[in-house]
Amino acid sequence: MFADHWSSVLILACLAAGTTAAAAAPGEVAAGMTCTVPDGWWSLDRERPQQPEPVKVLAVKPLTTGTPGAWVQPQRGKLTDQQMHLALERLTDCR
Protein backbone atom coordinates (compact mmCIF):
# COMPACT_ATOMS: atom_id res chain seq x y z
CA MET A 1 0.00 0.00 0.00
CA PHE A 2 2.83 2.41 0.84
CA ALA A 3 4.47 1.86 -2.56
CA ASP A 4 1.13 2.33 -4.34
CA HIS A 5 0.61 5.66 -2.55
CA TRP A 6 4.02 7.01 -3.60
CA SER A 7 3.54 5.73 -7.15
CA SER A 8 0.31 7.74 -7.30
CA VAL A 9 2.03 10.80 -5.87
CA LEU A 10 4.80 10.54 -8.45
CA ILE A 11 2.33 10.23 -11.32
CA LEU A 12 0.30 13.19 -10.05
CA ALA A 13 3.43 15.30 -9.59
CA CYS A 14 4.50 14.53 -13.16
CA LEU A 15 1.08 15.51 -14.46
CA ALA A 16 1.17 18.68 -12.38
CA ALA A 17 4.57 19.73 -13.67
CA GLY A 18 3.44 19.56 -17.29
CA THR A 19 0.54 22.02 -17.09
CA THR A 20 0.17 25.77 -16.86
CA ALA A 21 -2.66 27.89 -15.53
CA ALA A 22 -3.28 31.29 -14.03
CA ALA A 23 -1.65 30.88 -10.66
CA ALA A 24 -1.48 32.37 -7.24
CA ALA A 25 2.01 33.53 -6.28
CA PRO A 26 3.75 31.19 -3.83
CA GLY A 27 3.40 33.74 -1.02
CA GLU A 28 -0.37 33.92 -1.53
CA VAL A 29 -1.11 30.24 -0.86
CA ALA A 30 -1.12 28.91 2.71
CA ALA A 31 -2.25 25.81 4.56
CA GLY A 32 -5.97 25.87 5.30
CA MET A 33 -6.92 27.78 2.15
CA THR A 34 -9.37 26.42 -0.39
CA CYS A 35 -8.25 26.67 -4.03
CA THR A 36 -9.45 25.48 -7.42
CA VAL A 37 -7.60 23.13 -9.77
CA PRO A 38 -8.96 24.15 -13.21
CA ASP A 39 -8.48 20.71 -14.78
CA GLY A 40 -9.28 18.33 -11.92
CA TRP A 41 -8.91 14.87 -13.45
CA TRP A 42 -10.73 13.20 -10.54
CA SER A 43 -14.11 14.60 -11.56
CA LEU A 44 -17.09 12.25 -11.40
CA ASP A 45 -18.77 13.89 -14.40
CA ARG A 46 -18.27 11.55 -17.39
CA GLU A 47 -19.33 14.31 -19.81
CA ARG A 48 -16.56 16.57 -18.47
CA PRO A 49 -13.72 14.32 -17.28
CA GLN A 50 -11.60 17.37 -16.47
CA GLN A 51 -13.31 20.30 -14.80
CA PRO A 52 -12.57 22.84 -12.07
CA GLU A 53 -12.35 21.04 -8.72
CA PRO A 54 -12.00 22.54 -5.23
CA VAL A 55 -9.12 21.41 -3.03
CA LYS A 56 -8.00 22.24 0.51
CA VAL A 57 -4.33 23.19 0.92
CA LEU A 58 -2.74 21.03 3.60
CA ALA A 59 0.86 22.26 3.33
CA VAL A 60 2.96 24.39 1.00
CA LYS A 61 6.02 22.29 0.08
CA PRO A 62 8.15 22.19 -3.08
CA LEU A 63 7.86 19.25 -5.46
CA THR A 64 10.82 16.87 -5.62
CA THR A 65 11.97 18.81 -8.70
CA GLY A 66 12.24 22.00 -6.62
CA THR A 67 9.18 23.56 -8.27
CA PRO A 68 6.94 25.37 -5.74
CA GLY A 69 4.16 23.00 -4.73
CA ALA A 70 1.43 22.21 -2.24
CA TRP A 71 -0.09 19.11 -0.67
CA VAL A 72 -3.84 19.31 -1.31
CA GLN A 73 -6.95 17.24 -0.62
CA PRO A 74 -9.96 17.18 -3.00
CA GLN A 75 -13.15 18.55 -1.47
CA ARG A 76 -15.61 16.46 -3.50
CA GLY A 77 -15.74 13.20 -5.39
CA LYS A 78 -14.36 9.77 -4.66
CA LEU A 79 -10.85 11.02 -3.82
CA THR A 80 -11.78 13.23 -0.86
CA ASP A 81 -9.76 10.97 1.45
CA GLN A 82 -6.62 11.26 -0.73
CA GLN A 83 -3.81 13.81 -0.74
CA MET A 84 -1.94 15.03 -3.82
CA HIS A 85 1.26 17.00 -4.29
CA LEU A 86 0.63 19.58 -7.02
CA ALA A 87 2.61 22.45 -8.52
CA LEU A 88 1.46 25.80 -7.09
CA GLU A 89 0.97 27.08 -10.64
CA ARG A 90 -2.04 24.74 -10.92
CA LEU A 91 -3.91 26.37 -8.02
CA THR A 92 -6.23 29.27 -8.76
CA ASP A 93 -8.88 31.24 -6.88
CA CYS A 94 -7.31 30.62 -3.46
CA ARG A 95 -9.11 32.02 -0.43
PDB file of N, CA and C in Angstrom:
ATOM      1  N   MET A   1       0.823  -1.188   0.000  1.00  0.00           N
ATOM      2  CA  MET A   1       0.000   0.000   0.000  1.00  0.00           C
ATOM      3  C   MET A   1       0.867   1.252   0.000  1.00  0.00           C
ATOM      4  N   PHE A   2       1.937   1.255   0.786  1.00  0.00           N
ATOM      5  CA  PHE A   2       2.827   2.409   0.843  1.00  0.00           C
ATOM      6  C   PHE A   2       3.418   2.713  -0.527  1.00  0.00           C
ATOM      7  N   ALA A   3       3.886   1.666  -1.225  1.00  0.00           N
ATOM      8  CA  ALA A   3       4.466   1.858  -2.558  1.00  0.00           C
ATOM      9  C   ALA A   3       3.416   2.367  -3.533  1.00  0.00           C
ATOM     10  N   ASP A   4       2.197   1.868  -3.449  1.00  0.00           N
ATOM     11  CA  ASP A   4       1.127   2.332  -4.336  1.00  0.00           C
ATOM     12  C   ASP A   4       0.857   3.810  -4.112  1.00  0.00           C
ATOM     13  N   HIS A   5       0.858   4.250  -2.856  1.00  0.00           N
ATOM     14  CA  HIS A   5       0.615   5.663  -2.554  1.00  0.00           C
ATOM     15  C   HIS A   5       1.677   6.535  -3.216  1.00  0.00           C
ATOM     16  N   TRP A   6       2.956   6.177  -3.039  1.00  0.00           N
ATOM     17  CA  TRP A   6       4.017   7.007  -3.598  1.00  0.00           C
ATOM     18  C   TRP A   6       4.058   6.936  -5.111  1.00  0.00           C
ATOM     19  N   SER A   7       3.646   5.822  -5.690  1.00  0.00           N
ATOM     20  CA  SER A   7       3.544   5.734  -7.149  1.00  0.00           C
ATOM     21  C   SER A   7       2.499   6.719  -7.642  1.00  0.00           C
ATOM     22  N   SER A   8       1.370   6.797  -6.935  1.00  0.00           N
ATOM     23  CA  SER A   8       0.310   7.736  -7.305  1.00  0.00           C
ATOM     24  C   SER A   8       0.792   9.168  -7.172  1.00  0.00           C
ATOM     25  N   VAL A   9       1.511   9.441  -6.093  1.00  0.00           N
ATOM     26  CA  VAL A   9       2.032  10.796  -5.874  1.00  0.00           C
ATOM     27  C   VAL A   9       2.986  11.174  -6.992  1.00  0.00           C
ATOM     28  N   LEU A  10       3.859  10.263  -7.383  1.00  0.00           N
ATOM     29  CA  LEU A  10       4.803  10.545  -8.452  1.00  0.00           C
ATOM     30  C   LEU A  10       4.092  10.822  -9.762  1.00  0.00           C
ATOM     31  N   ILE A  11       3.099  10.025 -10.091  1.00  0.00           N
ATOM     32  CA  ILE A  11       2.332  10.233 -11.317  1.00  0.00           C
ATOM     33  C   ILE A  11       1.638  11.583 -11.288  1.00  0.00           C
ATOM     34  N   LEU A  12       1.005  11.915 -10.162  1.00  0.00           N
ATOM     35  CA  LEU A  12       0.302  13.188 -10.046  1.00  0.00           C
ATOM     36  C   LEU A  12       1.273  14.363 -10.135  1.00  0.00           C
ATOM     37  N   ALA A  13       2.441  14.232  -9.524  1.00  0.00           N
ATOM     38  CA  ALA A  13       3.433  15.299  -9.589  1.00  0.00           C
ATOM     39  C   ALA A  13       3.911  15.505 -11.020  1.00  0.00           C
ATOM     40  N   CYS A  14       4.091  14.416 -11.766  1.00  0.00           N
ATOM     41  CA  CYS A  14       4.504  14.534 -13.161  1.00  0.00           C
ATOM     42  C   CYS A  14       3.426  15.223 -13.990  1.00  0.00           C
ATOM     43  N   LEU A  15       2.181  14.856 -13.759  1.00  0.00           N
ATOM     44  CA  LEU A  15       1.079  15.514 -14.458  1.00  0.00           C
ATOM     45  C   LEU A  15       1.032  16.992 -14.101  1.00  0.00           C
ATOM     46  N   ALA A  16       1.229  17.305 -12.838  1.00  0.00           N
ATOM     47  CA  ALA A  16       1.171  18.685 -12.376  1.00  0.00           C
ATOM     48  C   ALA A  16       2.265  19.529 -13.005  1.00  0.00           C
ATOM     49  N   ALA A  17       3.436  18.983 -13.140  1.00  0.00           N
ATOM     50  CA  ALA A  17       4.568  19.734 -13.666  1.00  0.00           C
ATOM     51  C   ALA A  17       4.400  20.078 -15.139  1.00  0.00           C
ATOM     52  N   GLY A  18       3.581  19.352 -15.854  1.00  0.00           N
ATOM     53  CA  GLY A  18       3.440  19.563 -17.287  1.00  0.00           C
ATOM     54  C   GLY A  18       2.323  20.504 -17.689  1.00  0.00           C
ATOM     55  N   THR A  19       1.657  21.154 -16.742  1.00  0.00           N
ATOM     56  CA  THR A  19       0.543  22.020 -17.085  1.00  0.00           C
ATOM     57  C   THR A  19       0.805  23.437 -16.640  1.00  0.00           C
ATOM     58  N   THR A  20       0.089  24.381 -17.278  1.00  0.00           N
ATOM     59  CA  THR A  20       0.173  25.768 -16.864  1.00  0.00           C
ATOM     60  C   THR A  20      -1.228  26.304 -16.691  1.00  0.00           C
ATOM     61  N   ALA A  21      -1.370  27.249 -15.788  1.00  0.00           N
ATOM     62  CA  ALA A  21      -2.659  27.889 -15.529  1.00  0.00           C
ATOM     63  C   ALA A  21      -2.398  29.203 -14.835  1.00  0.00           C
ATOM     64  N   ALA A  22      -3.405  30.067 -14.801  1.00  0.00           N
ATOM     65  CA  ALA A  22      -3.284  31.288 -14.027  1.00  0.00           C
ATOM     66  C   ALA A  22      -3.066  30.870 -12.586  1.00  0.00           C
ATOM     67  N   ALA A  23      -2.028  31.415 -11.970  1.00  0.00           N
ATOM     68  CA  ALA A  23      -1.651  30.878 -10.663  1.00  0.00           C
ATOM     69  C   ALA A  23      -1.586  31.959  -9.606  1.00  0.00           C
ATOM     70  N   ALA A  24      -1.729  31.515  -8.384  1.00  0.00           N
ATOM     71  CA  ALA A  24      -1.479  32.373  -7.240  1.00  0.00           C
ATOM     72  C   ALA A  24       0.027  32.358  -7.005  1.00  0.00           C
ATOM     73  N   ALA A  25       0.585  33.481  -6.601  1.00  0.00           N
ATOM     74  CA  ALA A  25       2.005  33.530  -6.280  1.00  0.00           C
ATOM     75  C   ALA A  25       2.265  32.669  -5.052  1.00  0.00           C
ATOM     76  N   PRO A  26       3.469  32.072  -4.951  1.00  0.00           N
ATOM     77  CA  PRO A  26       3.754  31.189  -3.829  1.00  0.00           C
ATOM     78  C   PRO A  26       3.456  31.811  -2.463  1.00  0.00           C
ATOM     79  N   GLY A  27       3.662  33.098  -2.293  1.00  0.00           N
ATOM     80  CA  GLY A  27       3.398  33.745  -1.017  1.00  0.00           C
ATOM     81  C   GLY A  27       1.916  33.898  -0.716  1.00  0.00           C
ATOM     82  N   GLU A  28       1.071  33.738  -1.710  1.00  0.00           N
ATOM     83  CA  GLU A  28      -0.367  33.925  -1.525  1.00  0.00           C
ATOM     84  C   GLU A  28      -1.077  32.663  -1.068  1.00  0.00           C
ATOM     85  N   VAL A  29      -0.469  31.507  -1.204  1.00  0.00           N
ATOM     86  CA  VAL A  29      -1.106  30.239  -0.858  1.00  0.00           C
ATOM     87  C   VAL A  29      -0.587  29.778   0.499  1.00  0.00           C
ATOM     88  N   ALA A  30      -1.509  29.389   1.384  1.00  0.00           N
ATOM     89  CA  ALA A  30      -1.118  28.914   2.708  1.00  0.00           C
ATOM     90  C   ALA A  30      -1.986  27.736   3.114  1.00  0.00           C
ATOM     91  N   ALA A  31      -1.491  26.950   4.042  1.00  0.00           N
ATOM     92  CA  ALA A  31      -2.251  25.814   4.563  1.00  0.00           C
ATOM     93  C   ALA A  31      -3.585  26.305   5.109  1.00  0.00           C
ATOM     94  N   GLY A  32      -4.624  25.529   4.851  1.00  0.00           N
ATOM     95  CA  GLY A  32      -5.967  25.873   5.300  1.00  0.00           C
ATOM     96  C   GLY A  32      -6.810  26.581   4.256  1.00  0.00           C
ATOM     97  N   MET A  33      -6.177  27.093   3.208  1.00  0.00           N
ATOM     98  CA  MET A  33      -6.919  27.775   2.148  1.00  0.00           C
ATOM     99  C   MET A  33      -7.632  26.762   1.263  1.00  0.00           C
ATOM    100  N   THR A  34      -8.697  27.212   0.625  1.00  0.00           N
ATOM    101  CA  THR A  34      -9.371  26.416  -0.393  1.00  0.00           C
ATOM    102  C   THR A  34      -9.045  27.044  -1.735  1.00  0.00           C
ATOM    103  N   CYS A  35      -8.615  26.211  -2.692  1.00  0.00           N
ATOM    104  CA  CYS A  35      -8.250  26.672  -4.029  1.00  0.00           C
ATOM    105  C   CYS A  35      -8.999  25.830  -5.058  1.00  0.00           C
ATOM    106  N   THR A  36      -8.854  26.224  -6.313  1.00  0.00           N
ATOM    107  CA  THR A  36      -9.451  25.477  -7.423  1.00  0.00           C
ATOM    108  C   THR A  36      -8.340  24.953  -8.323  1.00  0.00           C
ATOM    109  N   VAL A  37      -8.472  23.699  -8.740  1.00  0.00           N
ATOM    110  CA  VAL A  37      -7.596  23.130  -9.769  1.00  0.00           C
ATOM    111  C   VAL A  37      -8.444  23.134 -11.040  1.00  0.00           C
ATOM    112  N   PRO A  38      -8.110  23.987 -12.028  1.00  0.00           N
ATOM    113  CA  PRO A  38      -8.965  24.147 -13.210  1.00  0.00           C
ATOM    114  C   PRO A  38      -9.239  22.875 -14.002  1.00  0.00           C
ATOM    115  N   ASP A  39      -8.304  21.926 -13.981  1.00  0.00           N
ATOM    116  CA  ASP A  39      -8.479  20.712 -14.779  1.00  0.00           C
ATOM    117  C   ASP A  39      -8.442  19.467 -13.891  1.00  0.00           C
ATOM    118  N   GLY A  40      -9.250  19.474 -12.841  1.00  0.00           N
ATOM    119  CA  GLY A  40      -9.281  18.333 -11.921  1.00  0.00           C
ATOM    120  C   GLY A  40      -9.640  17.050 -12.644  1.00  0.00           C
ATOM    121  N   TRP A  41      -8.705  16.127 -12.718  1.00  0.00           N
ATOM    122  CA  TRP A  41      -8.910  14.869 -13.448  1.00  0.00           C
ATOM    123  C   TRP A  41      -9.694  13.845 -12.635  1.00  0.00           C
ATOM    124  N   TRP A  42      -9.999  14.144 -11.384  1.00  0.00           N
ATOM    125  CA  TRP A  42     -10.726  13.202 -10.535  1.00  0.00           C
ATOM    126  C   TRP A  42     -12.223  13.460 -10.534  1.00  0.00           C
ATOM    127  N   SER A  43     -12.695  14.275 -11.453  1.00  0.00           N
ATOM    128  CA  SER A  43     -14.115  14.600 -11.557  1.00  0.00           C
ATOM    129  C   SER A  43     -14.961  13.348 -11.761  1.00  0.00           C
ATOM    130  N   LEU A  44     -16.157  13.370 -11.227  1.00  0.00           N
ATOM    131  CA  LEU A  44     -17.086  12.253 -11.396  1.00  0.00           C
ATOM    132  C   LEU A  44     -17.991  12.432 -12.611  1.00  0.00           C
ATOM    133  N   ASP A  45     -17.913  13.588 -13.261  1.00  0.00           N
ATOM    134  CA  ASP A  45     -18.771  13.887 -14.400  1.00  0.00           C
ATOM    135  C   ASP A  45     -18.174  13.280 -15.668  1.00  0.00           C
ATOM    136  N   ARG A  46     -18.807  12.235 -16.198  1.00  0.00           N
ATOM    137  CA  ARG A  46     -18.271  11.554 -17.392  1.00  0.00           C
ATOM    138  C   ARG A  46     -18.318  12.438 -18.637  1.00  0.00           C
ATOM    139  N   GLU A  47     -19.232  13.401 -18.666  1.00  0.00           N
ATOM    140  CA  GLU A  47     -19.326  14.315 -19.812  1.00  0.00           C
ATOM    141  C   GLU A  47     -18.181  15.327 -19.809  1.00  0.00           C
ATOM    142  N   ARG A  48     -17.669  15.619 -18.623  1.00  0.00           N
ATOM    143  CA  ARG A  48     -16.558  16.571 -18.472  1.00  0.00           C
ATOM    144  C   ARG A  48     -15.504  15.933 -17.577  1.00  0.00           C
ATOM    145  N   PRO A  49     -14.666  15.049 -18.110  1.00  0.00           N
ATOM    146  CA  PRO A  49     -13.717  14.319 -17.276  1.00  0.00           C
ATOM    147  C   PRO A  49     -12.663  15.208 -16.613  1.00  0.00           C
ATOM    148  N   GLN A  50     -12.489  16.413 -17.120  1.00  0.00           N
ATOM    149  CA  GLN A  50     -11.604  17.374 -16.466  1.00  0.00           C
ATOM    150  C   GLN A  50     -12.382  18.665 -16.307  1.00  0.00           C
ATOM    151  N   GLN A  51     -12.572  19.061 -15.079  1.00  0.00           N
ATOM    152  CA  GLN A  51     -13.309  20.295 -14.801  1.00  0.00           C
ATOM    153  C   GLN A  51     -12.739  20.929 -13.541  1.00  0.00           C
ATOM    154  N   PRO A  52     -13.071  22.191 -13.279  1.00  0.00           N
ATOM    155  CA  PRO A  52     -12.574  22.837 -12.065  1.00  0.00           C
ATOM    156  C   PRO A  52     -13.021  22.063 -10.822  1.00  0.00           C
ATOM    157  N   GLU A  53     -12.071  21.784  -9.944  1.00  0.00           N
ATOM    158  CA  GLU A  53     -12.350  21.038  -8.721  1.00  0.00           C
ATOM    159  C   GLU A  53     -11.762  21.770  -7.516  1.00  0.00           C
ATOM    160  N   PRO A  54     -12.520  21.893  -6.433  1.00  0.00           N
ATOM    161  CA  PRO A  54     -12.002  22.543  -5.228  1.00  0.00           C
ATOM    162  C   PRO A  54     -11.094  21.597  -4.442  1.00  0.00           C
ATOM    163  N   VAL A  55     -10.030  22.166  -3.875  1.00  0.00           N
ATOM    164  CA  VAL A  55      -9.115  21.414  -3.026  1.00  0.00           C
ATOM    165  C   VAL A  55      -8.781  22.241  -1.794  1.00  0.00           C
ATOM    166  N   LYS A  56      -8.461  21.566  -0.703  1.00  0.00           N
ATOM    167  CA  LYS A  56      -7.998  22.240   0.507  1.00  0.00           C
ATOM    168  C   LYS A  56      -6.484  22.096   0.564  1.00  0.00           C
ATOM    169  N   VAL A  57      -5.790  23.207   0.809  1.00  0.00           N
ATOM    170  CA  VAL A  57      -4.334  23.187   0.916  1.00  0.00           C
ATOM    171  C   VAL A  57      -3.959  22.682   2.304  1.00  0.00           C
ATOM    172  N   LEU A  58      -3.180  21.605   2.341  1.00  0.00           N
ATOM    173  CA  LEU A  58      -2.739  21.028   3.604  1.00  0.00           C
ATOM    174  C   LEU A  58      -1.368  21.549   4.018  1.00  0.00           C
ATOM    175  N   ALA A  59      -0.490  21.751   3.048  1.00  0.00           N
ATOM    176  CA  ALA A  59       0.857  22.260   3.325  1.00  0.00           C
ATOM    177  C   ALA A  59       1.455  22.799   2.032  1.00  0.00           C
ATOM    178  N   VAL A  60       2.257  23.840   2.148  1.00  0.00           N
ATOM    179  CA  VAL A  60       2.962  24.390   0.998  1.00  0.00           C
ATOM    180  C   VAL A  60       4.393  23.850   1.064  1.00  0.00           C
ATOM    181  N   LYS A  61       4.708  22.956   0.132  1.00  0.00           N
ATOM    182  CA  LYS A  61       6.021  22.289   0.083  1.00  0.00           C
ATOM    183  C   LYS A  61       6.437  22.143  -1.372  1.00  0.00           C
ATOM    184  N   PRO A  62       7.705  22.358  -1.695  1.00  0.00           N
ATOM    185  CA  PRO A  62       8.152  22.185  -3.084  1.00  0.00           C
ATOM    186  C   PRO A  62       8.025  20.737  -3.552  1.00  0.00           C
ATOM    187  N   LEU A  63       7.832  20.579  -4.854  1.00  0.00           N
ATOM    188  CA  LEU A  63       7.859  19.254  -5.462  1.00  0.00           C
ATOM    189  C   LEU A  63       9.287  18.716  -5.389  1.00  0.00           C
ATOM    190  N   THR A  64       9.474  17.449  -5.657  1.00  0.00           N
ATOM    191  CA  THR A  64      10.822  16.868  -5.619  1.00  0.00           C
ATOM    192  C   THR A  64      11.748  17.501  -6.652  1.00  0.00           C
ATOM    193  N   THR A  65      11.174  18.129  -7.670  1.00  0.00           N
ATOM    194  CA  THR A  65      11.967  18.812  -8.698  1.00  0.00           C
ATOM    195  C   THR A  65      12.422  20.191  -8.247  1.00  0.00           C
ATOM    196  N   GLY A  66      11.917  20.659  -7.093  1.00  0.00           N
ATOM    197  CA  GLY A  66      12.240  21.998  -6.615  1.00  0.00           C
ATOM    198  C   GLY A  66      11.189  23.035  -6.997  1.00  0.00           C
ATOM    199  N   THR A  67      10.268  22.665  -7.867  1.00  0.00           N
ATOM    200  CA  THR A  67       9.182  23.556  -8.266  1.00  0.00           C
ATOM    201  C   THR A  67       8.285  23.839  -7.061  1.00  0.00           C
ATOM    202  N   PRO A  68       7.853  25.096  -6.857  1.00  0.00           N
ATOM    203  CA  PRO A  68       6.936  25.372  -5.745  1.00  0.00           C
ATOM    204  C   PRO A  68       5.694  24.490  -5.840  1.00  0.00           C
ATOM    205  N   GLY A  69       5.295  23.914  -4.727  1.00  0.00           N
ATOM    206  CA  GLY A  69       4.162  23.003  -4.735  1.00  0.00           C
ATOM    207  C   GLY A  69       3.362  23.054  -3.452  1.00  0.00           C
ATOM    208  N   ALA A  70       2.292  22.278  -3.420  1.00  0.00           N
ATOM    209  CA  ALA A  70       1.431  22.208  -2.242  1.00  0.00           C
ATOM    210  C   ALA A  70       0.812  20.827  -2.153  1.00  0.00           C
ATOM    211  N   TRP A  71       0.674  20.332  -0.932  1.00  0.00           N
ATOM    212  CA  TRP A  71      -0.094  19.115  -0.675  1.00  0.00           C
ATOM    213  C   TRP A  71      -1.545  19.543  -0.539  1.00  0.00           C
ATOM    214  N   VAL A  72      -2.424  18.931  -1.314  1.00  0.00           N
ATOM    215  CA  VAL A  72      -3.840  19.308  -1.310  1.00  0.00           C
ATOM    216  C   VAL A  72      -4.714  18.075  -1.149  1.00  0.00           C
ATOM    217  N   GLN A  73      -5.964  18.316  -0.764  1.00  0.00           N
ATOM    218  CA  GLN A  73      -6.950  17.243  -0.622  1.00  0.00           C
ATOM    219  C   GLN A  73      -8.224  17.669  -1.341  1.00  0.00           C
ATOM    220  N   PRO A  74      -8.711  16.853  -2.303  1.00  0.00           N
ATOM    221  CA  PRO A  74      -9.955  17.180  -2.998  1.00  0.00           C
ATOM    222  C   PRO A  74     -11.112  17.356  -2.016  1.00  0.00           C
ATOM    223  N   GLN A  75     -12.019  18.258  -2.343  1.00  0.00           N
ATOM    224  CA  GLN A  75     -13.149  18.551  -1.467  1.00  0.00           C
ATOM    225  C   GLN A  75     -14.443  17.890  -1.908  1.00  0.00           C
ATOM    226  N   ARG A  76     -14.421  17.199  -3.062  1.00  0.00           N
ATOM    227  CA  ARG A  76     -15.607  16.459  -3.496  1.00  0.00           C
ATOM    228  C   ARG A  76     -15.160  15.298  -4.372  1.00  0.00           C
ATOM    229  N   GLY A  77     -16.056  14.355  -4.557  1.00  0.00           N
ATOM    230  CA  GLY A  77     -15.745  13.197  -5.389  1.00  0.00           C
ATOM    231  C   GLY A  77     -15.172  12.046  -4.591  1.00  0.00           C
ATOM    232  N   LYS A  78     -14.797  11.002  -5.314  1.00  0.00           N
ATOM    233  CA  LYS A  78     -14.359   9.771  -4.661  1.00  0.00           C
ATOM    234  C   LYS A  78     -12.947   9.845  -4.084  1.00  0.00           C
ATOM    235  N   LEU A  79     -12.212  10.902  -4.341  1.00  0.00           N
ATOM    236  CA  LEU A  79     -10.854  11.019  -3.825  1.00  0.00           C
ATOM    237  C   LEU A  79     -10.737  11.987  -2.644  1.00  0.00           C
ATOM    238  N   THR A  80     -11.833  12.265  -1.966  1.00  0.00           N
ATOM    239  CA  THR A  80     -11.781  13.229  -0.857  1.00  0.00           C
ATOM    240  C   THR A  80     -10.925  12.756   0.312  1.00  0.00           C
ATOM    241  N   ASP A  81     -10.616  11.472   0.373  1.00  0.00           N
ATOM    242  CA  ASP A  81      -9.760  10.974   1.448  1.00  0.00           C
ATOM    243  C   ASP A  81      -8.300  10.843   0.992  1.00  0.00           C
ATOM    244  N   GLN A  82      -7.973  11.343  -0.184  1.00  0.00           N
ATOM    245  CA  GLN A  82      -6.618  11.260  -0.735  1.00  0.00           C
ATOM    246  C   GLN A  82      -5.922  12.616  -0.647  1.00  0.00           C
ATOM    247  N   GLN A  83      -4.603  12.597  -0.700  1.00  0.00           N
ATOM    248  CA  GLN A  83      -3.808  13.811  -0.740  1.00  0.00           C
ATOM    249  C   GLN A  83      -2.932  13.771  -1.981  1.00  0.00           C
ATOM    250  N   MET A  84      -2.728  14.936  -2.587  1.00  0.00           N
ATOM    251  CA  MET A  84      -1.943  15.031  -3.820  1.00  0.00           C
ATOM    252  C   MET A  84      -0.927  16.153  -3.674  1.00  0.00           C
ATOM    253  N   HIS A  85       0.216  15.981  -4.294  1.00  0.00           N
ATOM    254  CA  HIS A  85       1.261  16.996  -4.292  1.00  0.00           C
ATOM    255  C   HIS A  85       1.251  17.644  -5.670  1.00  0.00           C
ATOM    256  N   LEU A  86       0.792  18.884  -5.741  1.00  0.00           N
ATOM    257  CA  LEU A  86       0.633  19.580  -7.020  1.00  0.00           C
ATOM    258  C   LEU A  86       1.532  20.808  -7.091  1.00  0.00           C
ATOM    259  N   ALA A  87       1.880  21.205  -8.304  1.00  0.00           N
ATOM    260  CA  ALA A  87       2.607  22.450  -8.515  1.00  0.00           C
ATOM    261  C   ALA A  87       1.691  23.623  -8.139  1.00  0.00           C
ATOM    262  N   LEU A  88       2.265  24.633  -7.480  1.00  0.00           N
ATOM    263  CA  LEU A  88       1.462  25.800  -7.089  1.00  0.00           C
ATOM    264  C   LEU A  88       0.838  26.486  -8.301  1.00  0.00           C
ATOM    265  N   GLU A  89       1.501  26.415  -9.441  1.00  0.00           N
ATOM    266  CA  GLU A  89       0.975  27.078 -10.643  1.00  0.00           C
ATOM    267  C   GLU A  89      -0.388  26.513 -11.067  1.00  0.00           C
ATOM    268  N   ARG A  90      -0.755  25.347 -10.564  1.00  0.00           N
ATOM    269  CA  ARG A  90      -2.040  24.742 -10.924  1.00  0.00           C
ATOM    270  C   ARG A  90      -3.184  25.234 -10.050  1.00  0.00           C
ATOM    271  N   LEU A  91      -2.878  25.916  -8.950  1.00  0.00           N
ATOM    272  CA  LEU A  91      -3.911  26.369  -8.022  1.00  0.00           C
ATOM    273  C   LEU A  91      -4.365  27.778  -8.373  1.00  0.00           C
ATOM    274  N   THR A  92      -5.669  27.969  -8.467  1.00  0.00           N
ATOM    275  CA  THR A  92      -6.232  29.268  -8.755  1.00  0.00           C
ATOM    276  C   THR A  92      -7.326  29.590  -7.733  1.00  0.00           C
ATOM    277  N   ASP A  93      -7.754  30.818  -7.704  1.00  0.00           N
ATOM    278  CA  ASP A  93      -8.876  31.244  -6.879  1.00  0.00           C
ATOM    279  C   ASP A  93      -8.734  30.780  -5.427  1.00  0.00           C
ATOM    280  N   CYS A  94      -7.560  31.032  -4.845  1.00  0.00           N
ATOM    281  CA  CYS A  94      -7.312  30.623  -3.460  1.00  0.00           C
ATOM    282  C   CYS A  94      -7.870  31.664  -2.494  1.00  0.00           C
ATOM    283  N   ARG A  95      -8.557  31.125  -1.473  1.00  0.00           N
ATOM    284  CA  ARG A  95      -9.109  32.018  -0.435  1.00  0.00           C
ATOM    285  C   ARG A  95      -9.110  31.333   0.896  1.00  0.00           C
TER     286      ARG A  95
END
